[in-house]
Amino acid sequence: MRIAFFSDIHGVPSALDAALEAAGRLGFDRLVLLGDLLYHGPRNGVPDFYDPVAVARRLNGLKDKIVAVRGNCDAEVDQLMFEFPMMSDYALLDAGEERFFLTHGHRWNEYSLPPLGMGTVLAHGHTHIPELKQLDCGMKIFNPGSVSLPKGGSARSFGYFDGKNLRHFQTGQA
């Protein structure tokens, strides 16, 4: 199973389109959305080309491929915009030999691990910084970065699982 991981879209359709185009060149069976889909949050300011209605429309066109979780900037009213569930705090996704615990990252992260065992990949966004590392407990941490508002000197990015390996791509790559 090939999986594209997007996080922190924050209502920017041009950034979403760039990520979808790059991920589409790679091919994906599932699109994992790790929260903060529409609203930009009070700390970020209004991003350029902010249009949450356009973002919802584009994502609804992919609803059969989407597994989504709620971010800290997502509200119950946002669910009214989507034709797929996106209000769960976490989801589990088995993909061959990998098991993914999907969450936004504001509750479960490297410093507050979910109660899961070795071999699990904790996939989360929230920090807007791409990351992939193995913890001593046997769990992997995978953060795809942000599709629209990168931080920490990173570029706009998404994550990708090809069935064996996890990687990061900048939205202009692939």
C-alpha atoms as a PDB file:
ATOM      1  CA  MET A   1       0.000   0.000   0.000  1.00  0.00           C
ATOM      2  CA  ARG A   2       1.353   3.405  -0.997  1.00  0.00           C
ATOM      3  CA  ILE A   3       0.415   6.223   1.379  1.00  0.00           C
ATOM      4  CA  ALA A   4       0.802   9.993   1.055  1.00  0.00           C
ATOM      5  CA  PHE A   5       0.885  11.866   4.379  1.00  0.00           C
ATOM      6  CA  PHE A   6      -0.242  15.508   4.446  1.00  0.00           C
ATOM      7  CA  SER A   7      -0.406  17.702   7.511  1.00  0.00           C
ATOM      8  CA  ASP A   8      -1.086  21.305   8.345  1.00  0.00           C
ATOM      9  CA  ILE A   9      -2.749  22.424   5.098  1.00  0.00           C
ATOM     10  CA  HIS A  10      -4.284  25.380   6.973  1.00  0.00           C
ATOM     11  CA  GLY A  11      -6.743  26.337   4.227  1.00  0.00           C
ATOM     12  CA  VAL A  12      -4.224  27.036   1.436  1.00  0.00           C
ATOM     13  CA  PRO A  13      -5.463  25.418  -1.811  1.00  0.00           C
ATOM     14  CA  SER A  14      -2.383  26.298  -3.893  1.00  0.00           C
ATOM     15  CA  ALA A  15      -0.148  24.466  -1.398  1.00  0.00           C
ATOM     16  CA  LEU A  16      -2.549  21.511  -1.337  1.00  0.00           C
ATOM     17  CA  ASP A  17      -2.564  21.384  -5.147  1.00  0.00           C
ATOM     18  CA  ALA A  18       1.249  21.339  -5.283  1.00  0.00           C
ATOM     19  CA  ALA A  19       1.390  18.494  -2.761  1.00  0.00           C
ATOM     20  CA  LEU A  20      -1.348  16.534  -4.552  1.00  0.00           C
ATOM     21  CA  GLU A  21       0.462  16.937  -7.861  1.00  0.00           C
ATOM     22  CA  ALA A  22       3.768  15.711  -6.425  1.00  0.00           C
ATOM     23  CA  ALA A  23       2.144  12.814  -4.554  1.00  0.00           C
ATOM     24  CA  GLY A  24       0.126  11.955  -7.646  1.00  0.00           C
ATOM     25  CA  ARG A  25       3.334  11.483  -9.650  1.00  0.00           C
ATOM     26  CA  LEU A  26       4.435   8.937  -7.045  1.00  0.00           C
ATOM     27  CA  GLY A  27       1.019   7.279  -6.921  1.00  0.00           C
ATOM     28  CA  PHE A  28      -0.876   6.629  -3.710  1.00  0.00           C
ATOM     29  CA  ASP A  29      -3.601   4.293  -2.514  1.00  0.00           C
ATOM     30  CA  ARG A  30      -4.358   6.236   0.686  1.00  0.00           C
ATOM     31  CA  LEU A  31      -4.101   9.892   1.576  1.00  0.00           C
ATOM     32  CA  VAL A  32      -3.547  10.383   5.294  1.00  0.00           C
ATOM     33  CA  LEU A  33      -4.492  13.834   6.599  1.00  0.00           C
ATOM     34  CA  LEU A  34      -2.868  14.555   9.954  1.00  0.00           C
ATOM     35  CA  GLY A  35      -4.989  17.536  10.950  1.00  0.00           C
ATOM     36  CA  ASP A  36      -5.188  21.316  10.718  1.00  0.00           C
ATOM     37  CA  LEU A  37      -6.970  21.171   7.393  1.00  0.00           C
ATOM     38  CA  LEU A  38      -8.854  24.481   7.121  1.00  0.00           C
ATOM     39  CA  TYR A  39      -8.109  27.023   9.821  1.00  0.00           C
ATOM     40  CA  HIS A  40      -4.725  28.742  10.089  1.00  0.00           C
ATOM     41  CA  GLY A  41      -4.780  29.191  13.876  1.00  0.00           C
ATOM     42  CA  PRO A  42      -4.245  32.391  15.830  1.00  0.00           C
ATOM     43  CA  ARG A  43      -0.430  32.068  15.986  1.00  0.00           C
ATOM     44  CA  ASN A  44       0.114  31.716  12.250  1.00  0.00           C
ATOM     45  CA  GLY A  45      -1.712  34.708  10.838  1.00  0.00           C
ATOM     46  CA  VAL A  46      -3.698  34.472   7.624  1.00  0.00           C
ATOM     47  CA  PRO A  47      -1.659  32.652   4.970  1.00  0.00           C
ATOM     48  CA  ASP A  48      -1.514  33.916   1.393  1.00  0.00           C
ATOM     49  CA  PHE A  49      -4.288  32.553  -0.823  1.00  0.00           C
ATOM     50  CA  TYR A  50      -6.350  31.344   2.145  1.00  0.00           C
ATOM     51  CA  ASP A  51      -9.502  29.620   0.861  1.00  0.00           C
ATOM     52  CA  PRO A  52     -10.804  26.826   3.124  1.00  0.00           C
ATOM     53  CA  VAL A  53     -13.845  26.206   0.893  1.00  0.00           C
ATOM     54  CA  ALA A  54     -11.550  25.360  -2.041  1.00  0.00           C
ATOM     55  CA  VAL A  55      -9.469  23.053   0.176  1.00  0.00           C
ATOM     56  CA  ALA A  56     -12.604  21.189   1.324  1.00  0.00           C
ATOM     57  CA  ARG A  57     -13.830  20.856  -2.263  1.00  0.00           C
ATOM     58  CA  ARG A  58     -10.514  19.385  -3.445  1.00  0.00           C
ATOM     59  CA  LEU A  59     -10.258  16.938  -0.543  1.00  0.00           C
ATOM     60  CA  ASN A  60     -13.882  15.817  -0.927  1.00  0.00           C
ATOM     61  CA  GLY A  61     -12.981  14.730  -4.452  1.00  0.00           C
ATOM     62  CA  LEU A  62     -10.558  12.230  -2.877  1.00  0.00           C
ATOM     63  CA  LYS A  63     -12.822  11.107  -0.028  1.00  0.00           C
ATOM     64  CA  ASP A  64     -12.596   7.402  -0.926  1.00  0.00           C
ATOM     65  CA  LYS A  65      -8.804   7.444  -0.376  1.00  0.00           C
ATOM     66  CA  ILE A  66      -8.694   9.586   2.782  1.00  0.00           C
ATOM     67  CA  VAL A  67      -8.004   8.649   6.384  1.00  0.00           C
ATOM     68  CA  ALA A  68      -8.066  11.819   8.503  1.00  0.00           C
ATOM     69  CA  VAL A  69      -7.575  12.898  12.101  1.00  0.00           C
ATOM     70  CA  ARG A  70      -8.353  16.150  13.881  1.00  0.00           C
ATOM     71  CA  GLY A  71      -5.710  18.775  14.520  1.00  0.00           C
ATOM     72  CA  ASN A  72      -5.642  21.376  17.271  1.00  0.00           C
ATOM     73  CA  CYS A  73      -6.936  24.036  14.830  1.00  0.00           C
ATOM     74  CA  ASP A  74      -9.798  21.853  13.559  1.00  0.00           C
ATOM     75  CA  ALA A  75     -13.270  22.510  14.995  1.00  0.00           C
ATOM     76  CA  GLU A  76     -16.506  20.557  14.896  1.00  0.00           C
ATOM     77  CA  VAL A  77     -17.928  23.020  12.397  1.00  0.00           C
ATOM     78  CA  ASP A  78     -15.141  22.022   9.976  1.00  0.00           C
ATOM     79  CA  GLN A  79     -16.654  18.535   9.722  1.00  0.00           C
ATOM     80  CA  LEU A  80     -19.665  20.115   7.977  1.00  0.00           C
ATOM     81  CA  MET A  81     -17.355  20.963   5.060  1.00  0.00           C
ATOM     82  CA  PHE A  82     -16.105  17.413   4.532  1.00  0.00           C
ATOM     83  CA  GLU A  83     -17.641  14.255   3.096  1.00  0.00           C
ATOM     84  CA  PHE A  84     -15.271  12.057   5.113  1.00  0.00           C
ATOM     85  CA  PRO A  85     -14.716  11.797   8.886  1.00  0.00           C
ATOM     86  CA  MET A  86     -11.960  14.014  10.265  1.00  0.00           C
ATOM     87  CA  MET A  87     -12.768  14.600  13.938  1.00  0.00           C
ATOM     88  CA  SER A  88     -11.094  11.587  15.553  1.00  0.00           C
ATOM     89  CA  ASP A  89      -8.055  12.290  17.732  1.00  0.00           C
ATOM     90  CA  TYR A  90      -6.298   9.270  16.262  1.00  0.00           C
ATOM     91  CA  ALA A  91      -6.651   6.401  13.823  1.00  0.00           C
ATOM     92  CA  LEU A  92      -4.791   3.142  13.291  1.00  0.00           C
ATOM     93  CA  LEU A  93      -3.743   2.057   9.816  1.00  0.00           C
ATOM     94  CA  ASP A  94      -2.129  -1.267   8.970  1.00  0.00           C
ATOM     95  CA  ALA A  95      -0.083  -1.233   5.782  1.00  0.00           C
ATOM     96  CA  GLY A  96       1.670  -4.514   5.160  1.00  0.00           C
ATOM     97  CA  GLU A  97       4.290  -4.954   7.846  1.00  0.00           C
ATOM     98  CA  GLU A  98       3.911  -1.412   9.179  1.00  0.00           C
ATOM     99  CA  ARG A  99       1.326  -0.273  11.692  1.00  0.00           C
ATOM    100  CA  PHE A 100       0.670   3.461  11.837  1.00  0.00           C
ATOM    101  CA  PHE A 101      -0.757   5.382  14.773  1.00  0.00           C
ATOM    102  CA  LEU A 102      -2.089   8.529  13.081  1.00  0.00           C
ATOM    103  CA  THR A 103      -2.602  11.679  15.114  1.00  0.00           C
ATOM    104  CA  HIS A 104      -1.971  15.394  14.845  1.00  0.00           C
ATOM    105  CA  GLY A 105       0.801  15.570  17.439  1.00  0.00           C
ATOM    106  CA  HIS A 106      -0.557  18.025  19.982  1.00  0.00           C
ATOM    107  CA  ARG A 107      -1.623  15.170  22.307  1.00  0.00           C
ATOM    108  CA  TRP A 108       0.532  12.211  21.286  1.00  0.00           C
ATOM    109  CA  ASN A 109       4.097  12.755  20.149  1.00  0.00           C
ATOM    110  CA  GLU A 110       7.650  11.722  21.009  1.00  0.00           C
ATOM    111  CA  TYR A 111       7.280  13.152  24.519  1.00  0.00           C
ATOM    112  CA  SER A 112       3.801  11.730  25.135  1.00  0.00           C
ATOM    113  CA  LEU A 113       3.723   8.334  23.447  1.00  0.00           C
ATOM    114  CA  PRO A 114       0.503   6.425  22.822  1.00  0.00           C
ATOM    115  CA  PRO A 115       0.240   3.044  24.556  1.00  0.00           C
ATOM    116  CA  LEU A 116       1.436   0.989  21.600  1.00  0.00           C
ATOM    117  CA  GLY A 117       4.277  -1.445  21.231  1.00  0.00           C
ATOM    118  CA  MET A 118       7.430  -1.847  19.245  1.00  0.00           C
ATOM    119  CA  GLY A 119       7.240  -1.563  15.503  1.00  0.00           C
ATOM    120  CA  THR A 120       4.527   1.061  15.476  1.00  0.00           C
ATOM    121  CA  VAL A 121       5.036   4.240  13.476  1.00  0.00           C
ATOM    122  CA  LEU A 122       3.713   7.307  15.269  1.00  0.00           C
ATOM    123  CA  ALA A 123       2.782   9.576  12.354  1.00  0.00           C
ATOM    124  CA  HIS A 124       1.937  13.137  13.326  1.00  0.00           C
ATOM    125  CA  GLY A 125       2.177  16.726  12.152  1.00  0.00           C
ATOM    126  CA  HIS A 126       1.697  19.799  14.356  1.00  0.00           C
ATOM    127  CA  THR A 127       5.311  20.998  14.469  1.00  0.00           C
ATOM    128  CA  HIS A 128       5.437  21.796  10.721  1.00  0.00           C
ATOM    129  CA  ILE A 129       8.942  20.270  10.650  1.00  0.00           C
ATOM    130  CA  PRO A 130       9.693  17.010   8.771  1.00  0.00           C
ATOM    131  CA  GLU A 131      11.141  14.252  10.926  1.00  0.00           C
ATOM    132  CA  LEU A 132      11.858  10.536  10.780  1.00  0.00           C
ATOM    133  CA  LYS A 133      13.598   8.776  13.636  1.00  0.00           C
ATOM    134  CA  GLN A 134      13.690   5.550  15.595  1.00  0.00           C
ATOM    135  CA  LEU A 135      13.136   5.724  19.347  1.00  0.00           C
ATOM    136  CA  ASP A 136      14.876   3.445  21.839  1.00  0.00           C
ATOM    137  CA  CYS A 137      11.493   1.870  22.686  1.00  0.00           C
ATOM    138  CA  GLY A 138      11.249   0.520  19.109  1.00  0.00           C
ATOM    139  CA  MET A 139       8.687   3.024  17.890  1.00  0.00           C
ATOM    140  CA  LYS A 140       9.335   5.254  14.879  1.00  0.00           C
ATOM    141  CA  ILE A 141       8.379   8.918  14.754  1.00  0.00           C
ATOM    142  CA  PHE A 142       7.307  10.224  11.341  1.00  0.00           C
ATOM    143  CA  ASN A 143       6.301  13.832  10.742  1.00  0.00           C
ATOM    144  CA  PRO A 144       5.656  14.801   7.110  1.00  0.00           C
ATOM    145  CA  GLY A 145       6.137  18.517   7.812  1.00  0.00           C
ATOM    146  CA  SER A 146       3.619  21.076   6.608  1.00  0.00           C
ATOM    147  CA  VAL A 147       2.029  21.284   3.184  1.00  0.00           C
ATOM    148  CA  SER A 148       1.546  25.058   3.515  1.00  0.00           C
ATOM    149  CA  LEU A 149       3.310  26.686   6.500  1.00  0.00           C
ATOM    150  CA  PRO A 150       6.754  25.095   7.028  1.00  0.00           C
ATOM    151  CA  LYS A 151       8.747  26.004  10.117  1.00  0.00           C
ATOM    152  CA  GLY A 152      12.280  25.559  11.412  1.00  0.00           C
ATOM    153  CA  GLY A 153      13.871  26.352   8.060  1.00  0.00           C
ATOM    154  CA  SER A 154      12.134  23.452   6.311  1.00  0.00           C
ATOM    155  CA  ALA A 155      10.346  23.643   2.953  1.00  0.00           C
ATOM    156  CA  ARG A 156       6.726  22.780   2.196  1.00  0.00           C
ATOM    157  CA  SER A 157       6.634  19.007   2.359  1.00  0.00           C
ATOM    158  CA  PHE A 158       4.661  15.792   2.632  1.00  0.00           C
ATOM    159  CA  GLY A 159       5.450  12.228   3.610  1.00  0.00           C
ATOM    160  CA  TYR A 160       5.310   9.079   1.547  1.00  0.00           C
ATOM    161  CA  PHE A 161       5.290   5.357   2.304  1.00  0.00           C
ATOM    162  CA  ASP A 162       6.011   3.173  -0.734  1.00  0.00           C
ATOM    163  CA  GLY A 163       5.067  -0.070   1.002  1.00  0.00           C
ATOM    164  CA  LYS A 164       8.517  -0.496   2.548  1.00  0.00           C
ATOM    165  CA  ASN A 165      10.159   2.869   3.184  1.00  0.00           C
ATOM    166  CA  LEU A 166       9.096   6.201   4.648  1.00  0.00           C
ATOM    167  CA  ARG A 167      10.398   9.350   2.956  1.00  0.00           C
ATOM    168  CA  HIS A 168       9.880  13.086   2.823  1.00  0.00           C
ATOM    169  CA  PHE A 169       9.302  15.079  -0.350  1.00  0.00           C
ATOM    170  CA  GLN A 170       9.190  18.784  -0.898  1.00  0.00           C
ATOM    171  CA  THR A 171       6.015  19.709  -2.735  1.00  0.00           C
ATOM    172  CA  GLY A 172       7.943  20.565  -5.903  1.00  0.00           C
ATOM    173  CA  GLN A 173       9.612  17.131  -5.963  1.00  0.00           C
ATOM    174  CA  ALA A 174       8.580  13.646  -7.038  1.00  0.00           C
END
